[in-house]
Each structure stands twice: as structure tokens, then as C-alpha cells.
Amino acid sequence: LETLLAGQLPDGWDNHLPRKEAGQPGAEPETARASSGHVLNAVAG
């Protein structure tokens, strides 16, 4: 609550944002809206 009221974000909130590498599994073409959905859920956690 203190973090929320200060208008800040939790430490490490972005440590688990999805990151992909070309040629690796999961690197196939994807819609930007679908990519955003994955990021949304990572941030929501």
C-alpha cells in the first residue's frame, strides 16, 4: 500500500517481461496485440 500511495512500482516489477530471440522456440510471427497480452499478464503478476 505504501508503494501504491507513493505512485511507485514494486521493485523488480519488470524482471519477467517476455523477451524472445530469433531462431529460438517461440520466435514465430505473432500479432502485436497477442504480444501485448503476454506482457500484460507478466506485469499484472
ModelCIF file with pLDDT and N, C-alpha, C, O atoms, coordinates in Angstrom:
data_MODEL
#
_entry.id   MODEL 
#
_entity.id                         1 
_entity.type                       polymer 
_entity.pdbx_number_of_molecules   1 
#
_entity_poly.entity_id                      1 
_entity_poly.type                           'polypeptide(L)' 
_entity_poly.nstd_linkage                   no 
_entity_poly.nstd_monomer                   no 
_entity_poly.pdbx_seq_one_letter_code       LETLLAGQLPDGWDNHLPRKEAGQPGAEPETARASSGHVLNAVAG 
_entity_poly.pdbx_seq_one_letter_code_can   LETLLAGQLPDGWDNHLPRKEAGQPGAEPETARASSGHVLNAVAG 
_entity_poly.pdbx_strand_id                 A 
#
loop_
_entity_poly_seq.entity_id 
_entity_poly_seq.num 
_entity_poly_seq.mon_id 
_entity_poly_seq.hetero 
1 1  LEU n 
1 2  GLU n 
1 3  THR n 
1 4  LEU n 
1 5  LEU n 
1 6  ALA n 
1 7  GLY n 
1 8  GLN n 
1 9  LEU n 
1 10 PRO n 
1 11 ASP n 
1 12 GLY n 
1 13 TRP n 
1 14 ASP n 
1 15 ASN n 
1 16 HIS n 
1 17 LEU n 
1 18 PRO n 
1 19 ARG n 
1 20 LYS n 
1 21 GLU n 
1 22 ALA n 
1 23 GLY n 
1 24 GLN n 
1 25 PRO n 
1 26 GLY n 
1 27 ALA n 
1 28 GLU n 
1 29 PRO n 
1 30 GLU n 
1 31 THR n 
1 32 ALA n 
1 33 ARG n 
1 34 ALA n 
1 35 SER n 
1 36 SER n 
1 37 GLY n 
1 38 HIS n 
1 39 VAL n 
1 40 LEU n 
1 41 ASN n 
1 42 ALA n 
1 43 VAL n 
1 44 ALA n 
1 45 GLY n 
#
_struct_asym.id          A 
_struct_asym.entity_id   1 
#
loop_
_ma_qa_metric.id 
_ma_qa_metric.mode 
_ma_qa_metric.name 
_ma_qa_metric.software_group_id 
_ma_qa_metric.type 
1 global pLDDT . pLDDT 
2 local  pLDDT . pLDDT 
#
_ma_qa_metric_global.metric_id      1 
_ma_qa_metric_global.metric_value   96.20 
_ma_qa_metric_global.model_id       1 
_ma_qa_metric_global.ordinal_id     1 
#
loop_
_ma_qa_metric_local.label_asym_id 
_ma_qa_metric_local.label_comp_id 
_ma_qa_metric_local.label_seq_id 
_ma_qa_metric_local.metric_id 
_ma_qa_metric_local.metric_value 
_ma_qa_metric_local.model_id 
_ma_qa_metric_local.ordinal_id 
A LEU 1  2 98.00 1 1  
A GLU 2  2 98.00 1 2  
A THR 3  2 98.00 1 3  
A LEU 4  2 98.00 1 4  
A LEU 5  2 97.00 1 5  
A ALA 6  2 97.00 1 6  
A GLY 7  2 97.00 1 7  
A GLN 8  2 98.00 1 8  
A LEU 9  2 98.00 1 9  
A PRO 10 2 98.00 1 10 
A ASP 11 2 97.00 1 11 
A GLY 12 2 96.00 1 12 
A TRP 13 2 98.00 1 13 
A ASP 14 2 97.00 1 14 
A ASN 15 2 95.00 1 15 
A HIS 16 2 93.00 1 16 
A LEU 17 2 97.00 1 17 
A PRO 18 2 96.00 1 18 
A ARG 19 2 96.00 1 19 
A LYS 20 2 95.00 1 20 
A GLU 21 2 94.00 1 21 
A ALA 22 2 92.00 1 22 
A GLY 23 2 89.00 1 23 
A GLN 24 2 92.00 1 24 
A PRO 25 2 90.00 1 25 
A GLY 26 2 88.00 1 26 
A ALA 27 2 91.00 1 27 
A GLU 28 2 95.00 1 28 
A PRO 29 2 96.00 1 29 
A GLU 30 2 97.00 1 30 
A THR 31 2 97.00 1 31 
A ALA 32 2 98.00 1 32 
A ARG 33 2 98.00 1 33 
A ALA 34 2 98.00 1 34 
A SER 35 2 98.00 1 35 
A SER 36 2 98.00 1 36 
A GLY 37 2 98.00 1 37 
A HIS 38 2 98.00 1 38 
A VAL 39 2 98.00 1 39 
A LEU 40 2 98.00 1 40 
A ASN 41 2 98.00 1 41 
A ALA 42 2 98.00 1 42 
A VAL 43 2 98.00 1 43 
A ALA 44 2 98.00 1 44 
A GLY 45 2 97.00 1 45 
#
loop_
_atom_site.group_PDB 
_atom_site.id 
_atom_site.type_symbol 
_atom_site.label_atom_id 
_atom_site.label_alt_id 
_atom_site.label_comp_id 
_atom_site.label_asym_id 
_atom_site.label_entity_id 
_atom_site.label_seq_id 
_atom_site.pdbx_PDB_ins_code 
_atom_site.Cartn_x 
_atom_site.Cartn_y 
_atom_site.Cartn_z 
_atom_site.occupancy 
_atom_site.B_iso_or_equiv 
_atom_site.pdbx_formal_charge 
_atom_site.auth_seq_id 
_atom_site.auth_comp_id 
_atom_site.auth_asym_id 
_atom_site.auth_atom_id 
_atom_site.pdbx_PDB_model_num 
ATOM 1   N N  . LEU A 1 1  ? 0.826  -1.205  0.000   1.00 98.00 ? 1  LEU A N  1 
ATOM 2   C CA . LEU A 1 1  ? 0.000  0.000   0.000   1.00 98.00 ? 1  LEU A CA 1 
ATOM 3   C C  . LEU A 1 1  ? 0.860  1.254   0.000   1.00 98.00 ? 1  LEU A C  1 
ATOM 4   O O  . LEU A 1 1  ? 0.529  2.236   -0.666  1.00 98.00 ? 1  LEU A O  1 
ATOM 5   N N  . GLU A 1 2  ? 1.940  1.229   0.729   1.00 98.00 ? 2  GLU A N  1 
ATOM 6   C CA . GLU A 1 2  ? 2.836  2.381   0.770   1.00 98.00 ? 2  GLU A CA 1 
ATOM 7   C C  . GLU A 1 2  ? 3.407  2.669   -0.619  1.00 98.00 ? 2  GLU A C  1 
ATOM 8   O O  . GLU A 1 2  ? 3.524  3.827   -1.019  1.00 98.00 ? 2  GLU A O  1 
ATOM 9   N N  . THR A 1 3  ? 3.760  1.616   -1.348  1.00 98.00 ? 3  THR A N  1 
ATOM 10  C CA . THR A 1 3  ? 4.273  1.786   -2.711  1.00 98.00 ? 3  THR A CA 1 
ATOM 11  C C  . THR A 1 3  ? 3.203  2.362   -3.619  1.00 98.00 ? 3  THR A C  1 
ATOM 12  O O  . THR A 1 3  ? 3.469  3.262   -4.416  1.00 98.00 ? 3  THR A O  1 
ATOM 13  N N  . LEU A 1 4  ? 1.995  1.841   -3.495  1.00 98.00 ? 4  LEU A N  1 
ATOM 14  C CA . LEU A 1 4  ? 0.879  2.326   -4.306  1.00 98.00 ? 4  LEU A CA 1 
ATOM 15  C C  . LEU A 1 4  ? 0.623  3.808   -4.052  1.00 98.00 ? 4  LEU A C  1 
ATOM 16  O O  . LEU A 1 4  ? 0.525  4.598   -4.991  1.00 98.00 ? 4  LEU A O  1 
ATOM 17  N N  . LEU A 1 5  ? 0.516  4.178   -2.780  1.00 97.00 ? 5  LEU A N  1 
ATOM 18  C CA . LEU A 1 5  ? 0.192  5.563   -2.439  1.00 97.00 ? 5  LEU A CA 1 
ATOM 19  C C  . LEU A 1 5  ? 1.295  6.524   -2.840  1.00 97.00 ? 5  LEU A C  1 
ATOM 20  O O  . LEU A 1 5  ? 1.041  7.711   -3.044  1.00 97.00 ? 5  LEU A O  1 
ATOM 21  N N  . ALA A 1 6  ? 2.522  6.023   -2.955  1.00 97.00 ? 6  ALA A N  1 
ATOM 22  C CA . ALA A 1 6  ? 3.638  6.871   -3.371  1.00 97.00 ? 6  ALA A CA 1 
ATOM 23  C C  . ALA A 1 6  ? 3.713  7.013   -4.892  1.00 97.00 ? 6  ALA A C  1 
ATOM 24  O O  . ALA A 1 6  ? 4.558  7.742   -5.410  1.00 97.00 ? 6  ALA A O  1 
ATOM 25  N N  . GLY A 1 7  ? 2.827  6.315   -5.601  1.00 97.00 ? 7  GLY A N  1 
ATOM 26  C CA . GLY A 1 7  ? 2.844  6.378   -7.057  1.00 97.00 ? 7  GLY A CA 1 
ATOM 27  C C  . GLY A 1 7  ? 4.015  5.652   -7.671  1.00 97.00 ? 7  GLY A C  1 
ATOM 28  O O  . GLY A 1 7  ? 4.436  5.975   -8.782  1.00 97.00 ? 7  GLY A O  1 
ATOM 29  N N  . GLN A 1 8  ? 4.552  4.667   -6.957  1.00 98.00 ? 8  GLN A N  1 
ATOM 30  C CA . GLN A 1 8  ? 5.712  3.927   -7.431  1.00 98.00 ? 8  GLN A CA 1 
ATOM 31  C C  . GLN A 1 8  ? 5.304  2.519   -7.873  1.00 98.00 ? 8  GLN A C  1 
ATOM 32  O O  . GLN A 1 8  ? 4.138  2.136   -7.776  1.00 98.00 ? 8  GLN A O  1 
ATOM 33  N N  . LEU A 1 9  ? 6.280  1.766   -8.355  1.00 98.00 ? 9  LEU A N  1 
ATOM 34  C CA . LEU A 1 9  ? 6.067  0.382   -8.758  1.00 98.00 ? 9  LEU A CA 1 
ATOM 35  C C  . LEU A 1 9  ? 6.910  -0.540  -7.888  1.00 98.00 ? 9  LEU A C  1 
ATOM 36  O O  . LEU A 1 9  ? 7.951  -0.118  -7.385  1.00 98.00 ? 9  LEU A O  1 
ATOM 37  N N  . PRO A 1 10 ? 6.493  -1.775  -7.697  1.00 98.00 ? 10 PRO A N  1 
ATOM 38  C CA . PRO A 1 10 ? 7.279  -2.707  -6.872  1.00 98.00 ? 10 PRO A CA 1 
ATOM 39  C C  . PRO A 1 10 ? 8.665  -2.925  -7.456  1.00 98.00 ? 10 PRO A C  1 
ATOM 40  O O  . PRO A 1 10 ? 8.845  -2.885  -8.673  1.00 98.00 ? 10 PRO A O  1 
ATOM 41  N N  . ASP A 1 11 ? 9.640  -3.154  -6.592  1.00 97.00 ? 11 ASP A N  1 
ATOM 42  C CA . ASP A 1 11 ? 10.992 -3.484  -7.061  1.00 97.00 ? 11 ASP A CA 1 
ATOM 43  C C  . ASP A 1 11 ? 10.941 -4.722  -7.951  1.00 97.00 ? 11 ASP A C  1 
ATOM 44  O O  . ASP A 1 11 ? 10.277 -5.708  -7.635  1.00 97.00 ? 11 ASP A O  1 
ATOM 45  N N  . GLY A 1 12 ? 11.656 -4.646  -9.066  1.00 96.00 ? 12 GLY A N  1 
ATOM 46  C CA . GLY A 1 12 ? 11.730 -5.793  -9.961  1.00 96.00 ? 12 GLY A CA 1 
ATOM 47  C C  . GLY A 1 12 ? 10.462 -6.086  -10.729 1.00 96.00 ? 12 GLY A C  1 
ATOM 48  O O  . GLY A 1 12 ? 10.285 -7.193  -11.237 1.00 96.00 ? 12 GLY A O  1 
ATOM 49  N N  . TRP A 1 13 ? 9.584  -5.117  -10.821 1.00 98.00 ? 13 TRP A N  1 
ATOM 50  C CA . TRP A 1 13 ? 8.301  -5.364  -11.492 1.00 98.00 ? 13 TRP A CA 1 
ATOM 51  C C  . TRP A 1 13 ? 8.479  -5.791  -12.956 1.00 98.00 ? 13 TRP A C  1 
ATOM 52  O O  . TRP A 1 13 ? 7.634  -6.495  -13.508 1.00 98.00 ? 13 TRP A O  1 
ATOM 53  N N  . ASP A 1 14 ? 9.586  -5.359  -13.580 1.00 97.00 ? 14 ASP A N  1 
ATOM 54  C CA . ASP A 1 14 ? 9.776  -5.650  -14.999 1.00 97.00 ? 14 ASP A CA 1 
ATOM 55  C C  . ASP A 1 14 ? 10.813 -6.748  -15.246 1.00 97.00 ? 14 ASP A C  1 
ATOM 56  O O  . ASP A 1 14 ? 11.283 -6.913  -16.372 1.00 97.00 ? 14 ASP A O  1 
ATOM 57  N N  . ASN A 1 15 ? 11.166 -7.490  -14.214 1.00 95.00 ? 15 ASN A N  1 
ATOM 58  C CA . ASN A 1 15 ? 12.179 -8.537  -14.384 1.00 95.00 ? 15 ASN A CA 1 
ATOM 59  C C  . ASN A 1 15 ? 11.715 -9.687  -15.277 1.00 95.00 ? 15 ASN A C  1 
ATOM 60  O O  . ASN A 1 15 ? 12.539 -10.405 -15.844 1.00 95.00 ? 15 ASN A O  1 
ATOM 61  N N  . HIS A 1 16 ? 10.418 -9.859  -15.401 1.00 93.00 ? 16 HIS A N  1 
ATOM 62  C CA . HIS A 1 16 ? 9.907  -11.026 -16.120 1.00 93.00 ? 16 HIS A CA 1 
ATOM 63  C C  . HIS A 1 16 ? 9.154  -10.637 -17.395 1.00 93.00 ? 16 HIS A C  1 
ATOM 64  O O  . HIS A 1 16 ? 8.312  -11.395 -17.877 1.00 93.00 ? 16 HIS A O  1 
ATOM 65  N N  . LEU A 1 17 ? 9.455  -9.469  -17.933 1.00 97.00 ? 17 LEU A N  1 
ATOM 66  C CA . LEU A 1 17 ? 8.825  -9.115  -19.198 1.00 97.00 ? 17 LEU A CA 1 
ATOM 67  C C  . LEU A 1 17 ? 9.274  -10.091 -20.278 1.00 97.00 ? 17 LEU A C  1 
ATOM 68  O O  . LEU A 1 17 ? 10.453 -10.441 -20.339 1.00 97.00 ? 17 LEU A O  1 
ATOM 69  N N  . PRO A 1 18 ? 8.356  -10.534 -21.128 1.00 96.00 ? 18 PRO A N  1 
ATOM 70  C CA . PRO A 1 18 ? 8.729  -11.505 -22.166 1.00 96.00 ? 18 PRO A CA 1 
ATOM 71  C C  . PRO A 1 18 ? 9.828  -10.954 -23.081 1.00 96.00 ? 18 PRO A C  1 
ATOM 72  O O  . PRO A 1 18 ? 9.825  -9.784  -23.462 1.00 96.00 ? 18 PRO A O  1 
ATOM 73  N N  . ARG A 1 19 ? 10.750 -11.829 -23.411 1.00 96.00 ? 19 ARG A N  1 
ATOM 74  C CA . ARG A 1 19 ? 11.813 -11.481 -24.343 1.00 96.00 ? 19 ARG A CA 1 
ATOM 75  C C  . ARG A 1 19 ? 12.056 -12.694 -25.236 1.00 96.00 ? 19 ARG A C  1 
ATOM 76  O O  . ARG A 1 19 ? 12.194 -13.817 -24.751 1.00 96.00 ? 19 ARG A O  1 
ATOM 77  N N  . LYS A 1 20 ? 12.106 -12.458 -26.531 1.00 95.00 ? 20 LYS A N  1 
ATOM 78  C CA . LYS A 1 20 ? 12.255 -13.557 -27.477 1.00 95.00 ? 20 LYS A CA 1 
ATOM 79  C C  . LYS A 1 20 ? 13.509 -13.353 -28.318 1.00 95.00 ? 20 LYS A C  1 
ATOM 80  O O  . LYS A 1 20 ? 13.967 -12.228 -28.516 1.00 95.00 ? 20 LYS A O  1 
ATOM 81  N N  . GLU A 1 21 ? 14.053 -14.465 -28.808 1.00 94.00 ? 21 GLU A N  1 
ATOM 82  C CA . GLU A 1 21 ? 15.218 -14.410 -29.682 1.00 94.00 ? 21 GLU A CA 1 
ATOM 83  C C  . GLU A 1 21 ? 14.905 -15.109 -30.990 1.00 94.00 ? 21 GLU A C  1 
ATOM 84  O O  . GLU A 1 21 ? 14.365 -16.214 -31.012 1.00 94.00 ? 21 GLU A O  1 
ATOM 85  N N  . ALA A 1 22 ? 15.256 -14.440 -32.082 1.00 92.00 ? 22 ALA A N  1 
ATOM 86  C CA . ALA A 1 22 ? 15.022 -15.025 -33.399 1.00 92.00 ? 22 ALA A CA 1 
ATOM 87  C C  . ALA A 1 22 ? 15.726 -16.369 -33.516 1.00 92.00 ? 22 ALA A C  1 
ATOM 88  O O  . ALA A 1 22 ? 16.863 -16.524 -33.073 1.00 92.00 ? 22 ALA A O  1 
ATOM 89  N N  . GLY A 1 23 ? 15.052 -17.325 -34.107 1.00 89.00 ? 23 GLY A N  1 
ATOM 90  C CA . GLY A 1 23 ? 15.619 -18.651 -34.293 1.00 89.00 ? 23 GLY A CA 1 
ATOM 91  C C  . GLY A 1 23 ? 15.433 -19.578 -33.126 1.00 89.00 ? 23 GLY A C  1 
ATOM 92  O O  . GLY A 1 23 ? 15.738 -20.766 -33.227 1.00 89.00 ? 23 GLY A O  1 
ATOM 93  N N  . GLN A 1 24 ? 14.933 -19.062 -32.007 1.00 92.00 ? 24 GLN A N  1 
ATOM 94  C CA . GLN A 1 24 ? 14.698 -19.885 -30.823 1.00 92.00 ? 24 GLN A CA 1 
ATOM 95  C C  . GLN A 1 24 ? 13.227 -20.282 -30.747 1.00 92.00 ? 24 GLN A C  1 
ATOM 96  O O  . GLN A 1 24 ? 12.391 -19.662 -31.403 1.00 92.00 ? 24 GLN A O  1 
ATOM 97  N N  . PRO A 1 25 ? 12.896 -21.309 -29.952 1.00 90.00 ? 25 PRO A N  1 
ATOM 98  C CA . PRO A 1 25 ? 11.491 -21.697 -29.798 1.00 90.00 ? 25 PRO A CA 1 
ATOM 99  C C  . PRO A 1 25 ? 10.641 -20.508 -29.352 1.00 90.00 ? 25 PRO A C  1 
ATOM 100 O O  . PRO A 1 25 ? 11.057 -19.724 -28.499 1.00 90.00 ? 25 PRO A O  1 
ATOM 101 N N  . GLY A 1 26 ? 9.464  -20.382 -29.928 1.00 88.00 ? 26 GLY A N  1 
ATOM 102 C CA . GLY A 1 26 ? 8.569  -19.286 -29.586 1.00 88.00 ? 26 GLY A CA 1 
ATOM 103 C C  . GLY A 1 26 ? 8.821  -18.018 -30.370 1.00 88.00 ? 26 GLY A C  1 
ATOM 104 O O  . GLY A 1 26 ? 8.221  -16.981 -30.087 1.00 88.00 ? 26 GLY A O  1 
ATOM 105 N N  . ALA A 1 27 ? 9.710  -18.090 -31.359 1.00 91.00 ? 27 ALA A N  1 
ATOM 106 C CA . ALA A 1 27 ? 10.075 -16.894 -32.117 1.00 91.00 ? 27 ALA A CA 1 
ATOM 107 C C  . ALA A 1 27 ? 9.255  -16.741 -33.392 1.00 91.00 ? 27 ALA A C  1 
ATOM 108 O O  . ALA A 1 27 ? 9.577  -15.903 -34.234 1.00 91.00 ? 27 ALA A O  1 
ATOM 109 N N  . GLU A 1 28 ? 8.221  -17.523 -33.544 1.00 95.00 ? 28 GLU A N  1 
ATOM 110 C CA . GLU A 1 28 ? 7.424  -17.433 -34.757 1.00 95.00 ? 28 GLU A CA 1 
ATOM 111 C C  . GLU A 1 28 ? 6.665  -16.098 -34.785 1.00 95.00 ? 28 GLU A C  1 
ATOM 112 O O  . GLU A 1 28 ? 6.482  -15.475 -33.739 1.00 95.00 ? 28 GLU A O  1 
ATOM 113 N N  . PRO A 1 29 ? 6.226  -15.656 -35.966 1.00 96.00 ? 29 PRO A N  1 
ATOM 114 C CA . PRO A 1 29 ? 5.474  -14.399 -36.055 1.00 96.00 ? 29 PRO A CA 1 
ATOM 115 C C  . PRO A 1 29 ? 4.265  -14.399 -35.118 1.00 96.00 ? 29 PRO A C  1 
ATOM 116 O O  . PRO A 1 29 ? 3.624  -15.426 -34.896 1.00 96.00 ? 29 PRO A O  1 
ATOM 117 N N  . GLU A 1 30 ? 3.977  -13.225 -34.582 1.00 97.00 ? 30 GLU A N  1 
ATOM 118 C CA . GLU A 1 30 ? 2.902  -13.092 -33.610 1.00 97.00 ? 30 GLU A CA 1 
ATOM 119 C C  . GLU A 1 30 ? 2.278  -11.713 -33.756 1.00 97.00 ? 30 GLU A C  1 
ATOM 120 O O  . GLU A 1 30 ? 2.974  -10.745 -34.062 1.00 97.00 ? 30 GLU A O  1 
ATOM 121 N N  . THR A 1 31 ? 0.978  -11.616 -33.539 1.00 97.00 ? 31 THR A N  1 
ATOM 122 C CA . THR A 1 31 ? 0.335  -10.304 -33.602 1.00 97.00 ? 31 THR A CA 1 
ATOM 123 C C  . THR A 1 31 ? 0.814  -9.448  -32.439 1.00 97.00 ? 31 THR A C  1 
ATOM 124 O O  . THR A 1 31 ? 1.117  -9.958  -31.360 1.00 97.00 ? 31 THR A O  1 
ATOM 125 N N  . ALA A 1 32 ? 0.877  -8.156  -32.668 1.00 98.00 ? 32 ALA A N  1 
ATOM 126 C CA . ALA A 1 32 ? 1.300  -7.254  -31.594 1.00 98.00 ? 32 ALA A CA 1 
ATOM 127 C C  . ALA A 1 32 ? 0.306  -7.266  -30.444 1.00 98.00 ? 32 ALA A C  1 
ATOM 128 O O  . ALA A 1 32 ? 0.698  -7.127  -29.285 1.00 98.00 ? 32 ALA A O  1 
ATOM 129 N N  . ARG A 1 33 ? -0.977 -7.432  -30.750 1.00 98.00 ? 33 ARG A N  1 
ATOM 130 C CA . ARG A 1 33 ? -1.970 -7.486  -29.666 1.00 98.00 ? 33 ARG A CA 1 
ATOM 131 C C  . ARG A 1 33 ? -1.756 -8.719  -28.795 1.00 98.00 ? 33 ARG A C  1 
ATOM 132 O O  . ARG A 1 33 ? -1.914 -8.651  -27.576 1.00 98.00 ? 33 ARG A O  1 
ATOM 133 N N  . ALA A 1 34 ? -1.395 -9.856  -29.415 1.00 98.00 ? 34 ALA A N  1 
ATOM 134 C CA . ALA A 1 34 ? -1.117 -11.063 -28.632 1.00 98.00 ? 34 ALA A CA 1 
ATOM 135 C C  . ALA A 1 34 ? 0.138  -10.873 -27.795 1.00 98.00 ? 34 ALA A C  1 
ATOM 136 O O  . ALA A 1 34 ? 0.179  -11.281 -26.634 1.00 98.00 ? 34 ALA A O  1 
ATOM 137 N N  . SER A 1 35 ? 1.158  -10.259 -28.372 1.00 98.00 ? 35 SER A N  1 
ATOM 138 C CA . SER A 1 35 ? 2.382  -9.978  -27.613 1.00 98.00 ? 35 SER A CA 1 
ATOM 139 C C  . SER A 1 35 ? 2.063  -9.109  -26.411 1.00 98.00 ? 35 SER A C  1 
ATOM 140 O O  . SER A 1 35 ? 2.573  -9.341  -25.315 1.00 98.00 ? 35 SER A O  1 
ATOM 141 N N  . SER A 1 36 ? 1.217  -8.104  -26.618 1.00 98.00 ? 36 SER A N  1 
ATOM 142 C CA . SER A 1 36 ? 0.831  -7.219  -25.519 1.00 98.00 ? 36 SER A CA 1 
ATOM 143 C C  . SER A 1 36 ? 0.083  -7.984  -24.430 1.00 98.00 ? 36 SER A C  1 
ATOM 144 O O  . SER A 1 36 ? 0.265  -7.716  -23.242 1.00 98.00 ? 36 SER A O  1 
ATOM 145 N N  . GLY A 1 37 ? -0.751 -8.928  -24.832 1.00 98.00 ? 37 GLY A N  1 
ATOM 146 C CA . GLY A 1 37 ? -1.456 -9.735  -23.840 1.00 98.00 ? 37 GLY A CA 1 
ATOM 147 C C  . GLY A 1 37 ? -0.514 -10.519 -22.958 1.00 98.00 ? 37 GLY A C  1 
ATOM 148 O O  . GLY A 1 37 ? -0.759 -10.659 -21.760 1.00 98.00 ? 37 GLY A O  1 
ATOM 149 N N  . HIS A 1 38 ? 0.569  -11.039 -23.535 1.00 98.00 ? 38 HIS A N  1 
ATOM 150 C CA . HIS A 1 38 ? 1.562  -11.758 -22.737 1.00 98.00 ? 38 HIS A CA 1 
ATOM 151 C C  . HIS A 1 38 ? 2.255  -10.801 -21.756 1.00 98.00 ? 38 HIS A C  1 
ATOM 152 O O  . HIS A 1 38 ? 2.474  -11.140 -20.593 1.00 98.00 ? 38 HIS A O  1 
ATOM 153 N N  . VAL A 1 39 ? 2.591  -9.619  -22.239 1.00 98.00 ? 39 VAL A N  1 
ATOM 154 C CA . VAL A 1 39 ? 3.261  -8.650  -21.367 1.00 98.00 ? 39 VAL A CA 1 
ATOM 155 C C  . VAL A 1 39 ? 2.319  -8.196  -20.259 1.00 98.00 ? 39 VAL A C  1 
ATOM 156 O O  . VAL A 1 39 ? 2.718  -8.089  -19.099 1.00 98.00 ? 39 VAL A O  1 
ATOM 157 N N  . LEU A 1 40 ? 1.073  -7.932  -20.622 1.00 98.00 ? 40 LEU A N  1 
ATOM 158 C CA . LEU A 1 40 ? 0.075  -7.529  -19.632 1.00 98.00 ? 40 LEU A CA 1 
ATOM 159 C C  . LEU A 1 40 ? 0.037  -8.511  -18.475 1.00 98.00 ? 40 LEU A C  1 
ATOM 160 O O  . LEU A 1 40 ? 0.037  -8.103  -17.314 1.00 98.00 ? 40 LEU A O  1 
ATOM 161 N N  . ASN A 1 41 ? 0.004  -9.782  -18.774 1.00 98.00 ? 41 ASN A N  1 
ATOM 162 C CA . ASN A 1 41 ? -0.091 -10.774 -17.710 1.00 98.00 ? 41 ASN A CA 1 
ATOM 163 C C  . ASN A 1 41 ? 1.196  -10.875 -16.903 1.00 98.00 ? 41 ASN A C  1 
ATOM 164 O O  . ASN A 1 41 ? 1.159  -11.169 -15.709 1.00 98.00 ? 41 ASN A O  1 
ATOM 165 N N  . ALA A 1 42 ? 2.335  -10.632 -17.550 1.00 98.00 ? 42 ALA A N  1 
ATOM 166 C CA . ALA A 1 42 ? 3.592  -10.613 -16.803 1.00 98.00 ? 42 ALA A CA 1 
ATOM 167 C C  . ALA A 1 42 ? 3.624  -9.434  -15.831 1.00 98.00 ? 42 ALA A C  1 
ATOM 168 O O  . ALA A 1 42 ? 4.059  -9.580  -14.689 1.00 98.00 ? 42 ALA A O  1 
ATOM 169 N N  . VAL A 1 43 ? 3.165  -8.276  -16.282 1.00 98.00 ? 43 VAL A N  1 
ATOM 170 C CA . VAL A 1 43 ? 3.145  -7.093  -15.419 1.00 98.00 ? 43 VAL A CA 1 
ATOM 171 C C  . VAL A 1 43 ? 2.104  -7.257  -14.318 1.00 98.00 ? 43 VAL A C  1 
ATOM 172 O O  . VAL A 1 43 ? 2.350  -6.902  -13.165 1.00 98.00 ? 43 VAL A O  1 
ATOM 173 N N  . ALA A 1 44 ? 0.944  -7.794  -14.675 1.00 98.00 ? 44 ALA A N  1 
ATOM 174 C CA . ALA A 1 44 ? -0.129 -7.963  -13.685 1.00 98.00 ? 44 ALA A CA 1 
ATOM 175 C C  . ALA A 1 44 ? 0.317  -8.821  -12.515 1.00 98.00 ? 44 ALA A C  1 
ATOM 176 O O  . ALA A 1 44 ? -0.126 -8.611  -11.386 1.00 98.00 ? 44 ALA A O  1 
ATOM 177 N N  . GLY A 1 45 ? 1.193  -9.789  -12.774 1.00 97.00 ? 45 GLY A N  1 
ATOM 178 C CA . GLY A 1 45 ? 1.679  -10.641 -11.698 1.00 97.00 ? 45 GLY A CA 1 
ATOM 179 C C  . GLY A 1 45 ? 2.583  -9.923  -10.719 1.00 97.00 ? 45 GLY A C  1 
ATOM 180 O O  . GLY A 1 45 ? 3.062  -10.531 -9.762  1.00 97.00 ? 45 GLY A O  1 
#
